[in-house]
Amino acid sequence: WAEFQSRLSEVISLIDDTADLTIGTESGGNGPTPFVKLSSPQPGMIR
């Protein structure tokens, strides 16, 4: 998890308004699964 978080931080530092990043989860349950979505609504800001 520490290694993953480090890599994710690097990716976030490069995100711009050209594309979003969705990190999904896989599970055997029913219905839509959890996710985290990253985007840059304006230069220098991350949502």
ModelCIF file with pLDDT and N, C-alpha, C, O atoms, coordinates in Angstrom:
data_MODEL
#
_entry.id   MODEL 
#
_entity.id                         1 
_entity.type                       polymer 
_entity.pdbx_number_of_molecules   1 
#
_entity_poly.entity_id                      1 
_entity_poly.type                           'polypeptide(L)' 
_entity_poly.nstd_linkage                   no 
_entity_poly.nstd_monomer                   no 
_entity_poly.pdbx_seq_one_letter_code       WAEFQSRLSEVISLIDDTADLTIGTESGGNGPTPFVKLSSPQPGMIR 
_entity_poly.pdbx_seq_one_letter_code_can   WAEFQSRLSEVISLIDDTADLTIGTESGGNGPTPFVKLSSPQPGMIR 
_entity_poly.pdbx_strand_id                 A 
#
loop_
_entity_poly_seq.entity_id 
_entity_poly_seq.num 
_entity_poly_seq.mon_id 
_entity_poly_seq.hetero 
1 1  TRP n 
1 2  ALA n 
1 3  GLU n 
1 4  PHE n 
1 5  GLN n 
1 6  SER n 
1 7  ARG n 
1 8  LEU n 
1 9  SER n 
1 10 GLU n 
1 11 VAL n 
1 12 ILE n 
1 13 SER n 
1 14 LEU n 
1 15 ILE n 
1 16 ASP n 
1 17 ASP n 
1 18 THR n 
1 19 ALA n 
1 20 ASP n 
1 21 LEU n 
1 22 THR n 
1 23 ILE n 
1 24 GLY n 
1 25 THR n 
1 26 GLU n 
1 27 SER n 
1 28 GLY n 
1 29 GLY n 
1 30 ASN n 
1 31 GLY n 
1 32 PRO n 
1 33 THR n 
1 34 PRO n 
1 35 PHE n 
1 36 VAL n 
1 37 LYS n 
1 38 LEU n 
1 39 SER n 
1 40 SER n 
1 41 PRO n 
1 42 GLN n 
1 43 PRO n 
1 44 GLY n 
1 45 MET n 
1 46 ILE n 
1 47 ARG n 
#
_struct_asym.id          A 
_struct_asym.entity_id   1 
#
loop_
_ma_qa_metric.id 
_ma_qa_metric.mode 
_ma_qa_metric.name 
_ma_qa_metric.software_group_id 
_ma_qa_metric.type 
1 global pLDDT . pLDDT 
2 local  pLDDT . pLDDT 
#
_ma_qa_metric_global.metric_id      1 
_ma_qa_metric_global.metric_value   88.32 
_ma_qa_metric_global.model_id       1 
_ma_qa_metric_global.ordinal_id     1 
#
loop_
_ma_qa_metric_local.label_asym_id 
_ma_qa_metric_local.label_comp_id 
_ma_qa_metric_local.label_seq_id 
_ma_qa_metric_local.metric_id 
_ma_qa_metric_local.metric_value 
_ma_qa_metric_local.model_id 
_ma_qa_metric_local.ordinal_id 
A TRP 1  2 92.00 1 1  
A ALA 2  2 91.00 1 2  
A GLU 3  2 87.00 1 3  
A PHE 4  2 89.00 1 4  
A GLN 5  2 92.00 1 5  
A SER 6  2 90.00 1 6  
A ARG 7  2 87.00 1 7  
A LEU 8  2 92.00 1 8  
A SER 9  2 94.00 1 9  
A GLU 10 2 90.00 1 10 
A VAL 11 2 90.00 1 11 
A ILE 12 2 93.00 1 12 
A SER 13 2 91.00 1 13 
A LEU 14 2 88.00 1 14 
A ILE 15 2 89.00 1 15 
A ASP 16 2 86.00 1 16 
A ASP 17 2 82.00 1 17 
A THR 18 2 81.00 1 18 
A ALA 19 2 77.00 1 19 
A ASP 20 2 85.00 1 20 
A LEU 21 2 89.00 1 21 
A THR 22 2 91.00 1 22 
A ILE 23 2 92.00 1 23 
A GLY 24 2 89.00 1 24 
A THR 25 2 86.00 1 25 
A GLU 26 2 75.00 1 26 
A SER 27 2 70.00 1 27 
A GLY 28 2 67.00 1 28 
A GLY 29 2 71.00 1 29 
A ASN 30 2 77.00 1 30 
A GLY 31 2 83.00 1 31 
A PRO 32 2 90.00 1 32 
A THR 33 2 92.00 1 33 
A PRO 34 2 94.00 1 34 
A PHE 35 2 95.00 1 35 
A VAL 36 2 95.00 1 36 
A LYS 37 2 94.00 1 37 
A LEU 38 2 94.00 1 38 
A SER 39 2 93.00 1 39 
A SER 40 2 93.00 1 40 
A PRO 41 2 92.00 1 41 
A GLN 42 2 91.00 1 42 
A PRO 43 2 92.00 1 43 
A GLY 44 2 93.00 1 44 
A MET 45 2 95.00 1 45 
A ILE 46 2 96.00 1 46 
A ARG 47 2 96.00 1 47 
#
loop_
_atom_site.group_PDB 
_atom_site.id 
_atom_site.type_symbol 
_atom_site.label_atom_id 
_atom_site.label_alt_id 
_atom_site.label_comp_id 
_atom_site.label_asym_id 
_atom_site.label_entity_id 
_atom_site.label_seq_id 
_atom_site.pdbx_PDB_ins_code 
_atom_site.Cartn_x 
_atom_site.Cartn_y 
_atom_site.Cartn_z 
_atom_site.occupancy 
_atom_site.B_iso_or_equiv 
_atom_site.pdbx_formal_charge 
_atom_site.auth_seq_id 
_atom_site.auth_comp_id 
_atom_site.auth_asym_id 
_atom_site.auth_atom_id 
_atom_site.pdbx_PDB_model_num 
ATOM 1   N N  . TRP A 1 1  ? 0.833   -1.206  0.000   1.00 92.00 ? 1  TRP A N  1 
ATOM 2   C CA . TRP A 1 1  ? 0.000   0.000   0.000   1.00 92.00 ? 1  TRP A CA 1 
ATOM 3   C C  . TRP A 1 1  ? 0.867   1.256   0.000   1.00 92.00 ? 1  TRP A C  1 
ATOM 4   O O  . TRP A 1 1  ? 0.526   2.240   -0.656  1.00 92.00 ? 1  TRP A O  1 
ATOM 5   N N  . ALA A 1 2  ? 1.979   1.234   0.724   1.00 91.00 ? 2  ALA A N  1 
ATOM 6   C CA . ALA A 1 2  ? 2.872   2.389   0.745   1.00 91.00 ? 2  ALA A CA 1 
ATOM 7   C C  . ALA A 1 2  ? 3.461   2.645   -0.646  1.00 91.00 ? 2  ALA A C  1 
ATOM 8   O O  . ALA A 1 2  ? 3.556   3.790   -1.089  1.00 91.00 ? 2  ALA A O  1 
ATOM 9   N N  . GLU A 1 3  ? 3.855   1.561   -1.330  1.00 87.00 ? 3  GLU A N  1 
ATOM 10  C CA . GLU A 1 3  ? 4.395   1.695   -2.681  1.00 87.00 ? 3  GLU A CA 1 
ATOM 11  C C  . GLU A 1 3  ? 3.319   2.203   -3.635  1.00 87.00 ? 3  GLU A C  1 
ATOM 12  O O  . GLU A 1 3  ? 3.586   3.064   -4.473  1.00 87.00 ? 3  GLU A O  1 
ATOM 13  N N  . PHE A 1 4  ? 2.112   1.676   -3.511  1.00 89.00 ? 4  PHE A N  1 
ATOM 14  C CA . PHE A 1 4  ? 1.012   2.120   -4.353  1.00 89.00 ? 4  PHE A CA 1 
ATOM 15  C C  . PHE A 1 4  ? 0.723   3.602   -4.128  1.00 89.00 ? 4  PHE A C  1 
ATOM 16  O O  . PHE A 1 4  ? 0.533   4.354   -5.083  1.00 89.00 ? 4  PHE A O  1 
ATOM 17  N N  . GLN A 1 5  ? 0.690   4.013   -2.873  1.00 92.00 ? 5  GLN A N  1 
ATOM 18  C CA . GLN A 1 5  ? 0.410   5.417   -2.564  1.00 92.00 ? 5  GLN A CA 1 
ATOM 19  C C  . GLN A 1 5  ? 1.480   6.338   -3.130  1.00 92.00 ? 5  GLN A C  1 
ATOM 20  O O  . GLN A 1 5  ? 1.173   7.426   -3.618  1.00 92.00 ? 5  GLN A O  1 
ATOM 21  N N  . SER A 1 6  ? 2.741   5.902   -3.066  1.00 90.00 ? 6  SER A N  1 
ATOM 22  C CA . SER A 1 6  ? 3.834   6.698   -3.617  1.00 90.00 ? 6  SER A CA 1 
ATOM 23  C C  . SER A 1 6  ? 3.667   6.882   -5.125  1.00 90.00 ? 6  SER A C  1 
ATOM 24  O O  . SER A 1 6  ? 3.848   7.982   -5.646  1.00 90.00 ? 6  SER A O  1 
ATOM 25  N N  . ARG A 1 7  ? 3.321   5.793   -5.823  1.00 87.00 ? 7  ARG A N  1 
ATOM 26  C CA . ARG A 1 7  ? 3.132   5.879   -7.272  1.00 87.00 ? 7  ARG A CA 1 
ATOM 27  C C  . ARG A 1 7  ? 1.927   6.749   -7.604  1.00 87.00 ? 7  ARG A C  1 
ATOM 28  O O  . ARG A 1 7  ? 1.963   7.540   -8.546  1.00 87.00 ? 7  ARG A O  1 
ATOM 29  N N  . LEU A 1 8  ? 0.856   6.597   -6.820  1.00 92.00 ? 8  LEU A N  1 
ATOM 30  C CA . LEU A 1 8  ? -0.340  7.389   -7.063  1.00 92.00 ? 8  LEU A CA 1 
ATOM 31  C C  . LEU A 1 8  ? -0.046  8.877   -6.887  1.00 92.00 ? 8  LEU A C  1 
ATOM 32  O O  . LEU A 1 8  ? -0.546  9.703   -7.651  1.00 92.00 ? 8  LEU A O  1 
ATOM 33  N N  . SER A 1 9  ? 0.751   9.216   -5.898  1.00 94.00 ? 9  SER A N  1 
ATOM 34  C CA . SER A 1 9  ? 1.126   10.621  -5.683  1.00 94.00 ? 9  SER A CA 1 
ATOM 35  C C  . SER A 1 9  ? 1.847   11.184  -6.906  1.00 94.00 ? 9  SER A C  1 
ATOM 36  O O  . SER A 1 9  ? 1.603   12.319  -7.314  1.00 94.00 ? 9  SER A O  1 
ATOM 37  N N  . GLU A 1 10 ? 2.736   10.379  -7.486  1.00 90.00 ? 10 GLU A N  1 
ATOM 38  C CA . GLU A 1 10 ? 3.446   10.826  -8.685  1.00 90.00 ? 10 GLU A CA 1 
ATOM 39  C C  . GLU A 1 10 ? 2.476   11.050  -9.841  1.00 90.00 ? 10 GLU A C  1 
ATOM 40  O O  . GLU A 1 10 ? 2.595   12.029  -10.579 1.00 90.00 ? 10 GLU A O  1 
ATOM 41  N N  . VAL A 1 11 ? 1.512   10.138  -9.995  1.00 90.00 ? 11 VAL A N  1 
ATOM 42  C CA . VAL A 1 11 ? 0.526   10.281  -11.067 1.00 90.00 ? 11 VAL A CA 1 
ATOM 43  C C  . VAL A 1 11 ? -0.308  11.540  -10.855 1.00 90.00 ? 11 VAL A C  1 
ATOM 44  O O  . VAL A 1 11 ? -0.558  12.286  -11.801 1.00 90.00 ? 11 VAL A O  1 
ATOM 45  N N  . ILE A 1 12 ? -0.741  11.778  -9.609  1.00 93.00 ? 12 ILE A N  1 
ATOM 46  C CA . ILE A 1 12 ? -1.565  12.953  -9.307  1.00 93.00 ? 12 ILE A CA 1 
ATOM 47  C C  . ILE A 1 12 ? -0.821  14.240  -9.649  1.00 93.00 ? 12 ILE A C  1 
ATOM 48  O O  . ILE A 1 12 ? -1.420  15.207  -10.119 1.00 93.00 ? 12 ILE A O  1 
ATOM 49  N N  . SER A 1 13 ? 0.471   14.241  -9.412  1.00 91.00 ? 13 SER A N  1 
ATOM 50  C CA . SER A 1 13 ? 1.255   15.450  -9.691  1.00 91.00 ? 13 SER A CA 1 
ATOM 51  C C  . SER A 1 13 ? 1.306   15.772  -11.177 1.00 91.00 ? 13 SER A C  1 
ATOM 52  O O  . SER A 1 13 ? 1.702   16.876  -11.553 1.00 91.00 ? 13 SER A O  1 
ATOM 53  N N  . LEU A 1 14 ? 0.908   14.816  -12.039 1.00 88.00 ? 14 LEU A N  1 
ATOM 54  C CA . LEU A 1 14 ? 0.966   15.012  -13.489 1.00 88.00 ? 14 LEU A CA 1 
ATOM 55  C C  . LEU A 1 14 ? -0.413  15.102  -14.138 1.00 88.00 ? 14 LEU A C  1 
ATOM 56  O O  . LEU A 1 14 ? -0.507  15.335  -15.343 1.00 88.00 ? 14 LEU A O  1 
ATOM 57  N N  . ILE A 1 15 ? -1.485  14.924  -13.365 1.00 89.00 ? 15 ILE A N  1 
ATOM 58  C CA . ILE A 1 15 ? -2.828  14.949  -13.937 1.00 89.00 ? 15 ILE A CA 1 
ATOM 59  C C  . ILE A 1 15 ? -3.152  16.342  -14.466 1.00 89.00 ? 15 ILE A C  1 
ATOM 60  O O  . ILE A 1 15 ? -2.851  17.347  -13.821 1.00 89.00 ? 15 ILE A O  1 
ATOM 61  N N  . ASP A 1 16 ? -3.772  16.394  -15.657 1.00 86.00 ? 16 ASP A N  1 
ATOM 62  C CA . ASP A 1 16 ? -4.260  17.669  -16.182 1.00 86.00 ? 16 ASP A CA 1 
ATOM 63  C C  . ASP A 1 16 ? -5.690  17.479  -16.667 1.00 86.00 ? 16 ASP A C  1 
ATOM 64  O O  . ASP A 1 16 ? -6.314  16.455  -16.387 1.00 86.00 ? 16 ASP A O  1 
ATOM 65  N N  . ASP A 1 17 ? -6.214  18.469  -17.397 1.00 82.00 ? 17 ASP A N  1 
ATOM 66  C CA . ASP A 1 17 ? -7.620  18.415  -17.780 1.00 82.00 ? 17 ASP A CA 1 
ATOM 67  C C  . ASP A 1 17 ? -7.882  17.552  -19.011 1.00 82.00 ? 17 ASP A C  1 
ATOM 68  O O  . ASP A 1 17 ? -9.000  17.536  -19.526 1.00 82.00 ? 17 ASP A O  1 
ATOM 69  N N  . THR A 1 18 ? -6.861  16.831  -19.489 1.00 81.00 ? 18 THR A N  1 
ATOM 70  C CA . THR A 1 18 ? -7.060  16.021  -20.686 1.00 81.00 ? 18 THR A CA 1 
ATOM 71  C C  . THR A 1 18 ? -7.666  14.657  -20.388 1.00 81.00 ? 18 THR A C  1 
ATOM 72  O O  . THR A 1 18 ? -8.217  14.021  -21.286 1.00 81.00 ? 18 THR A O  1 
ATOM 73  N N  . ALA A 1 19 ? -7.574  14.199  -19.153 1.00 77.00 ? 19 ALA A N  1 
ATOM 74  C CA . ALA A 1 19 ? -8.104  12.867  -18.834 1.00 77.00 ? 19 ALA A CA 1 
ATOM 75  C C  . ALA A 1 19 ? -8.288  12.724  -17.329 1.00 77.00 ? 19 ALA A C  1 
ATOM 76  O O  . ALA A 1 19 ? -7.547  13.305  -16.535 1.00 77.00 ? 19 ALA A O  1 
ATOM 77  N N  . ASP A 1 20 ? -9.287  11.941  -16.959 1.00 85.00 ? 20 ASP A N  1 
ATOM 78  C CA . ASP A 1 20 ? -9.512  11.599  -15.553 1.00 85.00 ? 20 ASP A CA 1 
ATOM 79  C C  . ASP A 1 20 ? -8.895  10.232  -15.274 1.00 85.00 ? 20 ASP A C  1 
ATOM 80  O O  . ASP A 1 20 ? -8.611  9.465   -16.194 1.00 85.00 ? 20 ASP A O  1 
ATOM 81  N N  . LEU A 1 21 ? -8.695  9.944   -14.003 1.00 89.00 ? 21 LEU A N  1 
ATOM 82  C CA . LEU A 1 21 ? -8.201  8.629   -13.590 1.00 89.00 ? 21 LEU A CA 1 
ATOM 83  C C  . LEU A 1 21 ? -9.197  8.029   -12.616 1.00 89.00 ? 21 LEU A C  1 
ATOM 84  O O  . LEU A 1 21 ? -9.451  8.596   -11.553 1.00 89.00 ? 21 LEU A O  1 
ATOM 85  N N  . THR A 1 22 ? -9.760  6.886   -12.974 1.00 91.00 ? 22 THR A N  1 
ATOM 86  C CA . THR A 1 22 ? -10.676 6.184   -12.083 1.00 91.00 ? 22 THR A CA 1 
ATOM 87  C C  . THR A 1 22 ? -10.011 4.905   -11.591 1.00 91.00 ? 22 THR A C  1 
ATOM 88  O O  . THR A 1 22 ? -9.551  4.083   -12.383 1.00 91.00 ? 22 THR A O  1 
ATOM 89  N N  . ILE A 1 23 ? -9.968  4.753   -10.282 1.00 92.00 ? 23 ILE A N  1 
ATOM 90  C CA . ILE A 1 23 ? -9.416  3.547   -9.668  1.00 92.00 ? 23 ILE A CA 1 
ATOM 91  C C  . ILE A 1 23 ? -10.589 2.741   -9.137  1.00 92.00 ? 23 ILE A C  1 
ATOM 92  O O  . ILE A 1 23 ? -11.190 3.095   -8.122  1.00 92.00 ? 23 ILE A O  1 
ATOM 93  N N  . GLY A 1 24 ? -10.908 1.663   -9.824  1.00 89.00 ? 24 GLY A N  1 
ATOM 94  C CA . GLY A 1 24 ? -12.040 0.852   -9.430  1.00 89.00 ? 24 GLY A CA 1 
ATOM 95  C C  . GLY A 1 24 ? -11.638 -0.298  -8.531  1.00 89.00 ? 24 GLY A C  1 
ATOM 96  O O  . GLY A 1 24 ? -10.454 -0.540  -8.297  1.00 89.00 ? 24 GLY A O  1 
ATOM 97  N N  . THR A 1 25 ? -12.629 -0.995  -8.037  1.00 86.00 ? 25 THR A N  1 
ATOM 98  C CA . THR A 1 25 ? -12.407 -2.177  -7.210  1.00 86.00 ? 25 THR A CA 1 
ATOM 99  C C  . THR A 1 25 ? -13.178 -3.333  -7.818  1.00 86.00 ? 25 THR A C  1 
ATOM 100 O O  . THR A 1 25 ? -14.189 -3.140  -8.494  1.00 86.00 ? 25 THR A O  1 
ATOM 101 N N  . GLU A 1 26 ? -12.685 -4.537  -7.569  1.00 75.00 ? 26 GLU A N  1 
ATOM 102 C CA . GLU A 1 26 ? -13.357 -5.729  -8.068  1.00 75.00 ? 26 GLU A CA 1 
ATOM 103 C C  . GLU A 1 26 ? -13.841 -6.549  -6.890  1.00 75.00 ? 26 GLU A C  1 
ATOM 104 O O  . GLU A 1 26 ? -13.094 -6.808  -5.947  1.00 75.00 ? 26 GLU A O  1 
ATOM 105 N N  . SER A 1 27 ? -15.093 -6.952  -6.955  1.00 70.00 ? 27 SER A N  1 
ATOM 106 C CA . SER A 1 27 ? -15.673 -7.693  -5.843  1.00 70.00 ? 27 SER A CA 1 
ATOM 107 C C  . SER A 1 27 ? -16.752 -8.619  -6.357  1.00 70.00 ? 27 SER A C  1 
ATOM 108 O O  . SER A 1 27 ? -17.300 -8.424  -7.442  1.00 70.00 ? 27 SER A O  1 
ATOM 109 N N  . GLY A 1 28 ? -17.050 -9.638  -5.555  1.00 67.00 ? 28 GLY A N  1 
ATOM 110 C CA . GLY A 1 28 ? -18.084 -10.586 -5.930  1.00 67.00 ? 28 GLY A CA 1 
ATOM 111 C C  . GLY A 1 28 ? -19.474 -10.148 -5.543  1.00 67.00 ? 28 GLY A C  1 
ATOM 112 O O  . GLY A 1 28 ? -20.429 -10.895 -5.759  1.00 67.00 ? 28 GLY A O  1 
ATOM 113 N N  . GLY A 1 29 ? -19.625 -8.951  -4.973  1.00 71.00 ? 29 GLY A N  1 
ATOM 114 C CA . GLY A 1 29 ? -20.933 -8.485  -4.550  1.00 71.00 ? 29 GLY A CA 1 
ATOM 115 C C  . GLY A 1 29 ? -21.803 -8.035  -5.708  1.00 71.00 ? 29 GLY A C  1 
ATOM 116 O O  . GLY A 1 29 ? -21.372 -8.009  -6.860  1.00 71.00 ? 29 GLY A O  1 
ATOM 117 N N  . ASN A 1 30 ? -23.042 -7.679  -5.375  1.00 77.00 ? 30 ASN A N  1 
ATOM 118 C CA . ASN A 1 30 ? -23.995 -7.246  -6.386  1.00 77.00 ? 30 ASN A CA 1 
ATOM 119 C C  . ASN A 1 30 ? -24.041 -5.728  -6.473  1.00 77.00 ? 30 ASN A C  1 
ATOM 120 O O  . ASN A 1 30 ? -23.942 -5.032  -5.462  1.00 77.00 ? 30 ASN A O  1 
ATOM 121 N N  . GLY A 1 31 ? -24.190 -5.228  -7.687  1.00 83.00 ? 31 GLY A N  1 
ATOM 122 C CA . GLY A 1 31 ? -24.339 -3.798  -7.889  1.00 83.00 ? 31 GLY A CA 1 
ATOM 123 C C  . GLY A 1 31 ? -23.015 -3.097  -8.095  1.00 83.00 ? 31 GLY A C  1 
ATOM 124 O O  . GLY A 1 31 ? -21.952 -3.706  -7.976  1.00 83.00 ? 31 GLY A O  1 
ATOM 125 N N  . PRO A 1 32 ? -23.085 -1.787  -8.412  1.00 90.00 ? 32 PRO A N  1 
ATOM 126 C CA . PRO A 1 32 ? -21.873 -1.000  -8.650  1.00 90.00 ? 32 PRO A CA 1 
ATOM 127 C C  . PRO A 1 32 ? -20.909 -1.062  -7.474  1.00 90.00 ? 32 PRO A C  1 
ATOM 128 O O  . PRO A 1 32 ? -21.322 -0.986  -6.317  1.00 90.00 ? 32 PRO A O  1 
ATOM 129 N N  . THR A 1 33 ? -19.626 -1.202  -7.778  1.00 92.00 ? 33 THR A N  1 
ATOM 130 C CA . THR A 1 33 ? -18.598 -1.344  -6.745  1.00 92.00 ? 33 THR A CA 1 
ATOM 131 C C  . THR A 1 33 ? -17.940 0.000   -6.439  1.00 92.00 ? 33 THR A C  1 
ATOM 132 O O  . THR A 1 33 ? -18.077 0.944   -7.216  1.00 92.00 ? 33 THR A O  1 
ATOM 133 N N  . PRO A 1 34 ? -17.227 0.095   -5.314  1.00 94.00 ? 34 PRO A N  1 
ATOM 134 C CA . PRO A 1 34 ? -16.576 1.360   -4.940  1.00 94.00 ? 34 PRO A CA 1 
ATOM 135 C C  . PRO A 1 34 ? -15.506 1.780   -5.944  1.00 94.00 ? 34 PRO A C  1 
ATOM 136 O O  . PRO A 1 34 ? -14.935 0.954   -6.656  1.00 94.00 ? 34 PRO A O  1 
ATOM 137 N N  . PHE A 1 35 ? -15.255 3.072   -5.982  1.00 95.00 ? 35 PHE A N  1 
ATOM 138 C CA . PHE A 1 35 ? -14.209 3.617   -6.840  1.00 95.00 ? 35 PHE A CA 1 
ATOM 139 C C  . PHE A 1 35 ? -13.744 4.949   -6.281  1.00 95.00 ? 35 PHE A C  1 
ATOM 140 O O  . PHE A 1 35 ? -14.420 5.570   -5.461  1.00 95.00 ? 35 PHE A O  1 
ATOM 141 N N  . VAL A 1 36 ? -12.580 5.371   -6.741  1.00 95.00 ? 36 VAL A N  1 
ATOM 142 C CA . VAL A 1 36 ? -12.068 6.711   -6.486  1.00 95.00 ? 36 VAL A CA 1 
ATOM 143 C C  . VAL A 1 36 ? -11.743 7.319   -7.839  1.00 95.00 ? 36 VAL A C  1 
ATOM 144 O O  . VAL A 1 36 ? -11.102 6.676   -8.670  1.00 95.00 ? 36 VAL A O  1 
ATOM 145 N N  . LYS A 1 37 ? -12.181 8.558   -8.067  1.00 94.00 ? 37 LYS A N  1 
ATOM 146 C CA . LYS A 1 37 ? -11.968 9.227   -9.353  1.00 94.00 ? 37 LYS A CA 1 
ATOM 147 C C  . LYS A 1 37 ? -11.190 10.518  -9.145  1.00 94.00 ? 37 LYS A C  1 
ATOM 148 O O  . LYS A 1 37 ? -11.520 11.319  -8.271  1.00 94.00 ? 37 LYS A O  1 
ATOM 149 N N  . LEU A 1 38 ? -10.158 10.711  -9.951  1.00 94.00 ? 38 LEU A N  1 
ATOM 150 C CA . LEU A 1 38 ? -9.302  11.888  -9.865  1.00 94.00 ? 38 LEU A CA 1 
ATOM 151 C C  . LEU A 1 38 ? -9.419  12.699  -11.151 1.00 94.00 ? 38 LEU A C  1 
ATOM 152 O O  . LEU A 1 38 ? -9.429  12.142  -12.249 1.00 94.00 ? 38 LEU A O  1 
ATOM 153 N N  . SER A 1 39 ? -9.507  14.013  -11.005 1.00 93.00 ? 39 SER A N  1 
ATOM 154 C CA . SER A 1 39 ? -9.590  14.889  -12.165 1.00 93.00 ? 39 SER A CA 1 
ATOM 155 C C  . SER A 1 39 ? -8.966  16.231  -11.820 1.00 93.00 ? 39 SER A C  1 
ATOM 156 O O  . SER A 1 39 ? -8.670  16.522  -10.661 1.00 93.00 ? 39 SER A O  1 
ATOM 157 N N  . SER A 1 40 ? -8.773  17.040  -12.852 1.00 93.00 ? 40 SER A N  1 
ATOM 158 C CA . SER A 1 40 ? -8.216  18.379  -12.657 1.00 93.00 ? 40 SER A CA 1 
ATOM 159 C C  . SER A 1 40 ? -9.199  19.391  -13.232 1.00 93.00 ? 40 SER A C  1 
ATOM 160 O O  . SER A 1 40 ? -9.145  19.683  -14.426 1.00 93.00 ? 40 SER A O  1 
ATOM 161 N N  . PRO A 1 41 ? -10.100 19.935  -12.407 1.00 92.00 ? 41 PRO A N  1 
ATOM 162 C CA . PRO A 1 41 ? -11.113 20.863  -12.915 1.00 92.00 ? 41 PRO A CA 1 
ATOM 163 C C  . PRO A 1 41 ? -10.534 22.194  -13.393 1.00 92.00 ? 41 PRO A C  1 
ATOM 164 O O  . PRO A 1 41 ? -11.142 22.886  -14.210 1.00 92.00 ? 41 PRO A O  1 
ATOM 165 N N  . GLN A 1 42 ? -9.367  22.545  -12.882 1.00 91.00 ? 42 GLN A N  1 
ATOM 166 C CA . GLN A 1 42 ? -8.683  23.749  -13.319 1.00 91.00 ? 42 GLN A CA 1 
ATOM 167 C C  . GLN A 1 42 ? -7.190  23.558  -13.075 1.00 91.00 ? 42 GLN A C  1 
ATOM 168 O O  . GLN A 1 42 ? -6.799  22.770  -12.214 1.00 91.00 ? 42 GLN A O  1 
ATOM 169 N N  . PRO A 1 43 ? -6.360  24.265  -13.818 1.00 92.00 ? 43 PRO A N  1 
ATOM 170 C CA . PRO A 1 43 ? -4.917  24.075  -13.661 1.00 92.00 ? 43 PRO A CA 1 
ATOM 171 C C  . PRO A 1 43 ? -4.466  24.241  -12.208 1.00 92.00 ? 43 PRO A C  1 
ATOM 172 O O  . PRO A 1 43 ? -4.818  25.207  -11.531 1.00 92.00 ? 43 PRO A O  1 
ATOM 173 N N  . GLY A 1 44 ? -3.673  23.263  -11.753 1.00 93.00 ? 44 GLY A N  1 
ATOM 174 C CA . GLY A 1 44 ? -3.117  23.338  -10.408 1.00 93.00 ? 44 GLY A CA 1 
ATOM 175 C C  . GLY A 1 44 ? -4.023  22.840  -9.309  1.00 93.00 ? 44 GLY A C  1 
ATOM 176 O O  . GLY A 1 44 ? -3.635  22.856  -8.141  1.00 93.00 ? 44 GLY A O  1 
ATOM 177 N N  . MET A 1 45 ? -5.240  22.392  -9.652  1.00 95.00 ? 45 MET A N  1 
ATOM 178 C CA . MET A 1 45 ? -6.181  21.879  -8.655  1.00 95.00 ? 45 MET A CA 1 
ATOM 179 C C  . MET A 1 45 ? -6.561  20.438  -9.006  1.00 95.00 ? 45 MET A C  1 
ATOM 180 O O  . MET A 1 45 ? -6.724  20.091  -10.176 1.00 95.00 ? 45 MET A O  1 
ATOM 181 N N  . ILE A 1 46 ? -6.697  19.622  -7.986  1.00 96.00 ? 46 ILE A N  1 
ATOM 182 C CA . ILE A 1 46 ? -7.102  18.230  -8.164  1.00 96.00 ? 46 ILE A CA 1 
ATOM 183 C C  . ILE A 1 46 ? -8.388  17.986  -7.397  1.00 96.00 ? 46 ILE A C  1 
ATOM 184 O O  . ILE A 1 46 ? -8.515  18.340  -6.225  1.00 96.00 ? 46 ILE A O  1 
ATOM 185 N N  . ARG A 1 47 ? -9.324  17.381  -8.079  1.00 96.00 ? 47 ARG A N  1 
ATOM 186 C CA . ARG A 1 47 ? -10.579 16.973  -7.438  1.00 96.00 ? 47 ARG A CA 1 
ATOM 187 C C  . ARG A 1 47 ? -10.569 15.449  -7.327  1.00 96.00 ? 47 ARG A C  1 
ATOM 188 O O  . ARG A 1 47 ? -11.524 14.861  -6.819  1.00 96.00 ? 47 ARG A O  1 
#
